[in-house]
N, C-alpha and C. Protein backbone atom coordinates (compact mmCIF):
# COMPACT_ATOMS: atom_id res chain seq x y z
N GLN A 1 4.06 -16.31 8.54
CA GLN A 1 4.42 -14.90 8.62
C GLN A 1 4.56 -14.32 7.22
N VAL A 2 4.25 -13.05 7.13
CA VAL A 2 4.39 -12.31 5.88
C VAL A 2 5.26 -11.09 6.16
N GLN A 3 6.22 -10.87 5.29
CA GLN A 3 7.07 -9.68 5.40
C GLN A 3 6.74 -8.75 4.24
N LEU A 4 6.63 -7.47 4.56
CA LEU A 4 6.31 -6.46 3.56
C LEU A 4 7.41 -5.40 3.58
N VAL A 5 7.97 -5.10 2.43
CA VAL A 5 9.03 -4.11 2.33
C VAL A 5 8.62 -3.05 1.32
N GLU A 6 8.48 -1.82 1.81
CA GLU A 6 8.09 -0.71 0.94
C GLU A 6 9.32 -0.01 0.38
N SER A 7 9.13 0.63 -0.76
CA SER A 7 10.18 1.47 -1.34
C SER A 7 9.52 2.52 -2.22
N GLY A 8 10.29 3.55 -2.52
CA GLY A 8 9.81 4.56 -3.46
C GLY A 8 9.36 5.87 -2.85
N GLY A 9 9.36 5.98 -1.54
CA GLY A 9 8.94 7.23 -0.92
C GLY A 9 9.98 8.33 -1.12
N GLY A 10 9.62 9.53 -0.72
CA GLY A 10 10.54 10.65 -0.83
C GLY A 10 9.82 11.96 -0.96
N LEU A 11 10.53 12.94 -1.49
CA LEU A 11 9.99 14.28 -1.68
C LEU A 11 9.50 14.42 -3.12
N VAL A 12 8.30 14.94 -3.27
CA VAL A 12 7.74 15.16 -4.60
C VAL A 12 7.04 16.51 -4.60
N GLN A 13 7.11 17.18 -5.73
CA GLN A 13 6.45 18.48 -5.84
C GLN A 13 4.96 18.30 -6.11
N PRO A 14 4.15 19.24 -5.65
CA PRO A 14 2.73 19.20 -5.99
C PRO A 14 2.56 19.13 -7.51
N GLY A 15 1.68 18.23 -7.96
CA GLY A 15 1.47 18.06 -9.39
C GLY A 15 2.43 17.11 -10.06
N GLY A 16 3.40 16.61 -9.32
CA GLY A 16 4.36 15.68 -9.88
C GLY A 16 3.83 14.26 -9.85
N SER A 17 4.74 13.30 -9.75
CA SER A 17 4.33 11.90 -9.65
C SER A 17 5.35 11.11 -8.85
N LEU A 18 4.88 10.04 -8.27
CA LEU A 18 5.73 9.18 -7.44
C LEU A 18 5.11 7.79 -7.44
N ARG A 19 5.95 6.75 -7.44
CA ARG A 19 5.43 5.39 -7.38
C ARG A 19 6.00 4.68 -6.18
N LEU A 20 5.11 4.14 -5.37
CA LEU A 20 5.51 3.32 -4.23
C LEU A 20 5.40 1.85 -4.62
N SER A 21 6.31 1.06 -4.06
CA SER A 21 6.27 -0.38 -4.29
C SER A 21 6.28 -1.10 -2.95
N CYS A 22 5.66 -2.27 -2.92
CA CYS A 22 5.65 -3.09 -1.72
C CYS A 22 5.83 -4.54 -2.14
N ALA A 23 6.93 -5.13 -1.71
CA ALA A 23 7.22 -6.52 -2.03
C ALA A 23 6.88 -7.40 -0.84
N ALA A 24 6.11 -8.43 -1.09
CA ALA A 24 5.72 -9.37 -0.04
C ALA A 24 6.53 -10.65 -0.14
N SER A 25 6.87 -11.20 1.01
CA SER A 25 7.58 -12.47 1.05
C SER A 25 7.10 -13.26 2.26
N GLY A 26 7.47 -14.52 2.28
CA GLY A 26 7.04 -15.39 3.38
C GLY A 26 5.83 -16.20 2.98
N SER A 27 4.90 -16.34 3.89
CA SER A 27 3.70 -17.17 3.67
C SER A 27 2.64 -16.37 2.92
N ILE A 28 2.89 -16.14 1.65
CA ILE A 28 2.03 -15.25 0.87
C ILE A 28 0.92 -15.96 0.15
N PHE A 29 0.89 -17.29 0.20
CA PHE A 29 -0.02 -18.05 -0.64
C PHE A 29 -1.48 -17.77 -0.36
N SER A 30 -1.81 -17.35 0.86
CA SER A 30 -3.22 -17.15 1.18
C SER A 30 -3.57 -15.67 1.39
N ILE A 31 -2.69 -14.79 0.97
CA ILE A 31 -3.03 -13.37 1.02
C ILE A 31 -4.17 -13.12 0.05
N TYR A 32 -5.22 -12.43 0.50
CA TYR A 32 -6.33 -12.16 -0.40
C TYR A 32 -6.48 -10.68 -0.75
N VAL A 33 -5.87 -9.81 0.00
CA VAL A 33 -5.92 -8.39 -0.34
C VAL A 33 -4.64 -7.72 0.12
N MET A 34 -4.19 -6.77 -0.67
CA MET A 34 -3.05 -5.92 -0.32
C MET A 34 -3.44 -4.48 -0.57
N GLY A 35 -2.70 -3.59 0.05
CA GLY A 35 -3.03 -2.19 -0.19
C GLY A 35 -2.12 -1.24 0.54
N TRP A 36 -2.57 -0.02 0.60
CA TRP A 36 -1.81 1.07 1.21
C TRP A 36 -2.71 1.86 2.17
N TYR A 37 -2.15 2.16 3.30
CA TYR A 37 -2.73 3.09 4.26
C TYR A 37 -1.72 4.20 4.47
N ARG A 38 -2.16 5.29 5.07
CA ARG A 38 -1.24 6.38 5.38
C ARG A 38 -1.60 7.01 6.71
N GLN A 39 -0.58 7.63 7.30
CA GLN A 39 -0.80 8.32 8.57
C GLN A 39 -0.01 9.62 8.56
N ALA A 40 -0.74 10.71 8.67
CA ALA A 40 -0.12 12.03 8.76
C ALA A 40 0.07 12.39 10.22
N PRO A 41 0.98 13.30 10.52
CA PRO A 41 1.23 13.68 11.92
C PRO A 41 -0.05 14.15 12.60
N GLY A 42 -0.32 13.59 13.76
CA GLY A 42 -1.48 14.00 14.53
C GLY A 42 -2.80 13.44 14.05
N LYS A 43 -2.75 12.56 13.05
CA LYS A 43 -3.98 12.00 12.50
C LYS A 43 -3.96 10.47 12.61
N GLN A 44 -5.15 9.88 12.49
CA GLN A 44 -5.24 8.43 12.50
C GLN A 44 -4.81 7.85 11.16
N ARG A 45 -4.40 6.60 11.21
CA ARG A 45 -4.08 5.89 9.97
C ARG A 45 -5.36 5.72 9.15
N GLU A 46 -5.25 5.97 7.85
CA GLU A 46 -6.42 5.89 6.99
C GLU A 46 -6.14 5.11 5.72
N LEU A 47 -7.21 4.54 5.20
CA LEU A 47 -7.12 3.78 3.96
C LEU A 47 -6.77 4.70 2.79
N VAL A 48 -5.88 4.23 1.93
CA VAL A 48 -5.61 4.92 0.66
C VAL A 48 -6.22 4.10 -0.48
N ALA A 49 -5.80 2.86 -0.60
CA ALA A 49 -6.30 2.00 -1.67
C ALA A 49 -5.99 0.55 -1.35
N THR A 50 -6.85 -0.34 -1.83
CA THR A 50 -6.61 -1.77 -1.70
C THR A 50 -6.90 -2.46 -3.03
N ILE A 51 -6.34 -3.66 -3.18
CA ILE A 51 -6.56 -4.46 -4.39
C ILE A 51 -6.58 -5.92 -4.00
N THR A 52 -7.53 -6.67 -4.52
CA THR A 52 -7.58 -8.09 -4.22
C THR A 52 -6.54 -8.83 -5.05
N ARG A 53 -6.00 -9.87 -4.47
CA ARG A 53 -4.95 -10.62 -5.16
C ARG A 53 -5.52 -11.39 -6.34
N ALA A 54 -6.72 -11.90 -6.18
CA ALA A 54 -7.41 -12.57 -7.27
C ALA A 54 -8.47 -11.63 -7.82
N GLY A 55 -8.39 -11.36 -9.07
CA GLY A 55 -9.40 -10.51 -9.69
C GLY A 55 -9.03 -9.05 -9.78
N GLY A 56 -8.10 -8.62 -8.93
CA GLY A 56 -7.66 -7.23 -9.01
C GLY A 56 -8.73 -6.20 -8.74
N ILE A 57 -9.67 -6.52 -7.86
CA ILE A 57 -10.72 -5.55 -7.52
C ILE A 57 -10.11 -4.47 -6.64
N THR A 58 -10.34 -3.21 -7.02
CA THR A 58 -9.72 -2.10 -6.32
C THR A 58 -10.74 -1.29 -5.51
N ASN A 59 -10.20 -0.62 -4.51
CA ASN A 59 -11.00 0.26 -3.66
C ASN A 59 -10.13 1.45 -3.30
N TYR A 60 -10.69 2.66 -3.40
CA TYR A 60 -9.92 3.87 -3.15
C TYR A 60 -10.63 4.78 -2.15
N ALA A 61 -9.83 5.50 -1.40
CA ALA A 61 -10.38 6.59 -0.60
C ALA A 61 -10.84 7.69 -1.55
N ASP A 62 -11.92 8.36 -1.19
CA ASP A 62 -12.44 9.42 -2.06
C ASP A 62 -11.38 10.49 -2.33
N SER A 63 -10.53 10.72 -1.35
CA SER A 63 -9.56 11.81 -1.47
C SER A 63 -8.49 11.55 -2.53
N VAL A 64 -8.33 10.31 -2.96
CA VAL A 64 -7.28 10.00 -3.94
C VAL A 64 -7.83 9.49 -5.26
N LYS A 65 -9.14 9.29 -5.34
CA LYS A 65 -9.74 8.79 -6.58
C LYS A 65 -9.42 9.71 -7.75
N GLY A 66 -9.02 9.11 -8.85
CA GLY A 66 -8.68 9.88 -10.03
C GLY A 66 -7.25 10.39 -10.06
N ARG A 67 -6.54 10.27 -8.94
CA ARG A 67 -5.14 10.72 -8.88
C ARG A 67 -4.18 9.57 -8.62
N PHE A 68 -4.57 8.65 -7.77
CA PHE A 68 -3.71 7.51 -7.41
C PHE A 68 -4.25 6.24 -8.07
N THR A 69 -3.33 5.36 -8.42
CA THR A 69 -3.72 4.07 -9.00
C THR A 69 -2.96 2.95 -8.30
N ILE A 70 -3.70 1.96 -7.83
CA ILE A 70 -3.07 0.79 -7.22
C ILE A 70 -3.06 -0.33 -8.24
N SER A 71 -1.97 -1.09 -8.27
CA SER A 71 -1.87 -2.22 -9.18
C SER A 71 -1.04 -3.31 -8.50
N ARG A 72 -1.06 -4.48 -9.12
CA ARG A 72 -0.31 -5.59 -8.52
C ARG A 72 0.37 -6.40 -9.60
N ASP A 73 1.44 -7.07 -9.20
CA ASP A 73 2.12 -8.04 -10.07
C ASP A 73 2.26 -9.30 -9.22
N ASN A 74 1.33 -10.23 -9.41
CA ASN A 74 1.33 -11.42 -8.57
C ASN A 74 2.58 -12.27 -8.78
N ALA A 75 3.15 -12.24 -9.97
CA ALA A 75 4.36 -13.02 -10.23
C ALA A 75 5.53 -12.50 -9.39
N LYS A 76 5.51 -11.22 -9.09
CA LYS A 76 6.57 -10.62 -8.28
C LYS A 76 6.13 -10.41 -6.84
N ASN A 77 4.89 -10.78 -6.53
CA ASN A 77 4.34 -10.58 -5.18
C ASN A 77 4.51 -9.13 -4.74
N THR A 78 4.22 -8.24 -5.66
CA THR A 78 4.44 -6.82 -5.42
C THR A 78 3.17 -6.03 -5.74
N VAL A 79 2.92 -5.03 -4.91
CA VAL A 79 1.82 -4.11 -5.17
C VAL A 79 2.40 -2.70 -5.29
N TYR A 80 1.79 -1.92 -6.17
CA TYR A 80 2.30 -0.58 -6.46
C TYR A 80 1.23 0.47 -6.17
N LEU A 81 1.68 1.67 -5.88
CA LEU A 81 0.78 2.81 -5.77
C LEU A 81 1.37 3.93 -6.61
N GLN A 82 0.74 4.20 -7.73
CA GLN A 82 1.14 5.31 -8.59
C GLN A 82 0.42 6.56 -8.11
N MET A 83 1.20 7.54 -7.70
CA MET A 83 0.65 8.78 -7.15
C MET A 83 0.86 9.88 -8.18
N ASN A 84 -0.19 10.30 -8.82
CA ASN A 84 -0.13 11.40 -9.78
C ASN A 84 -0.81 12.64 -9.19
N SER A 85 -0.31 13.78 -9.56
CA SER A 85 -0.84 15.05 -9.06
C SER A 85 -1.00 15.05 -7.54
N PRO A 86 0.03 14.68 -6.82
CA PRO A 86 -0.10 14.69 -5.36
C PRO A 86 -0.25 16.11 -4.85
N LYS A 87 -0.87 16.21 -3.68
CA LYS A 87 -1.11 17.49 -3.03
C LYS A 87 -0.39 17.51 -1.69
N PRO A 88 -0.14 18.68 -1.16
CA PRO A 88 0.53 18.75 0.17
C PRO A 88 -0.20 17.93 1.23
N GLU A 89 -1.51 17.84 1.14
CA GLU A 89 -2.25 17.06 2.14
C GLU A 89 -2.08 15.56 1.98
N ASP A 90 -1.39 15.13 0.95
CA ASP A 90 -1.04 13.71 0.80
C ASP A 90 0.23 13.35 1.57
N THR A 91 0.87 14.34 2.15
CA THR A 91 2.08 14.10 2.94
C THR A 91 1.75 13.21 4.13
N ALA A 92 2.48 12.11 4.24
CA ALA A 92 2.21 11.14 5.30
C ALA A 92 3.23 10.02 5.23
N VAL A 93 3.22 9.17 6.23
CA VAL A 93 3.93 7.90 6.14
C VAL A 93 2.95 6.90 5.52
N TYR A 94 3.39 6.26 4.46
CA TYR A 94 2.56 5.30 3.74
C TYR A 94 2.97 3.88 4.14
N TYR A 95 1.96 3.11 4.52
CA TYR A 95 2.19 1.75 5.00
C TYR A 95 1.58 0.74 4.03
N CYS A 96 2.35 -0.25 3.71
CA CYS A 96 1.83 -1.36 2.93
C CYS A 96 1.07 -2.30 3.86
N TYR A 97 0.04 -2.91 3.34
CA TYR A 97 -0.86 -3.75 4.13
C TYR A 97 -1.18 -5.03 3.35
N ALA A 98 -1.25 -6.12 4.09
CA ALA A 98 -1.67 -7.39 3.49
C ALA A 98 -2.52 -8.15 4.50
N ALA A 99 -3.50 -8.88 3.99
CA ALA A 99 -4.39 -9.60 4.88
C ALA A 99 -4.54 -11.04 4.41
N ARG A 100 -4.45 -11.96 5.37
CA ARG A 100 -4.74 -13.38 5.10
C ARG A 100 -5.34 -13.99 6.36
N GLY A 101 -6.38 -13.32 6.82
CA GLY A 101 -6.99 -13.75 8.08
C GLY A 101 -6.52 -12.87 9.22
N ILE A 102 -5.26 -12.53 9.20
CA ILE A 102 -4.72 -11.51 10.11
C ILE A 102 -4.03 -10.47 9.25
N ASP A 103 -3.81 -9.32 9.84
CA ASP A 103 -3.25 -8.20 9.10
C ASP A 103 -1.74 -8.13 9.26
N TYR A 104 -1.08 -7.76 8.20
CA TYR A 104 0.36 -7.53 8.22
C TYR A 104 0.64 -6.11 7.72
N TRP A 105 1.67 -5.51 8.27
CA TRP A 105 2.02 -4.14 7.92
C TRP A 105 3.50 -4.03 7.62
N GLY A 106 3.83 -3.15 6.67
CA GLY A 106 5.21 -2.82 6.43
C GLY A 106 5.68 -1.78 7.43
N GLN A 107 6.95 -1.40 7.30
CA GLN A 107 7.55 -0.43 8.22
C GLN A 107 7.13 1.00 7.91
N GLY A 108 6.68 1.23 6.70
CA GLY A 108 6.25 2.57 6.31
C GLY A 108 7.32 3.30 5.53
N THR A 109 6.88 4.15 4.62
CA THR A 109 7.79 4.99 3.85
C THR A 109 7.23 6.40 3.82
N GLN A 110 8.09 7.38 4.06
CA GLN A 110 7.67 8.77 4.14
C GLN A 110 7.46 9.34 2.74
N VAL A 111 6.32 9.99 2.55
CA VAL A 111 6.05 10.74 1.33
C VAL A 111 5.79 12.18 1.74
N THR A 112 6.57 13.08 1.17
CA THR A 112 6.42 14.50 1.46
C THR A 112 6.12 15.24 0.16
N VAL A 113 5.00 15.93 0.13
CA VAL A 113 4.60 16.68 -1.06
C VAL A 113 4.80 18.16 -0.75
N SER A 114 5.78 18.75 -1.39
CA SER A 114 6.13 20.13 -1.09
C SER A 114 6.92 20.72 -2.24
N SER A 115 6.75 22.02 -2.43
CA SER A 115 7.54 22.71 -3.44
C SER A 115 8.78 23.33 -2.81
């Protein structure tokens, strides 16, 4: 089993910045990718960004490219999402994700972008 705990969500103004963190624990030795998905009210869950545990290869949704940055600290088993210049349409519940043959999800953290 893998446990994922997110932190860092909240209210941020458009054009501001916010950093989400996700700490993994449990059977993490074979995790090969971690990342973030989000789900806005009335919409399906969608990919935001992923990063491979080995090599740090990243993948981003077109809607966040150039504004959000995903990174990892393998020593801390933590993945981060730096959100710069967020927009109101980035408002959603953000879920941490990890895969090691099966998918694991965190509980989610609310991000609200509003002035």
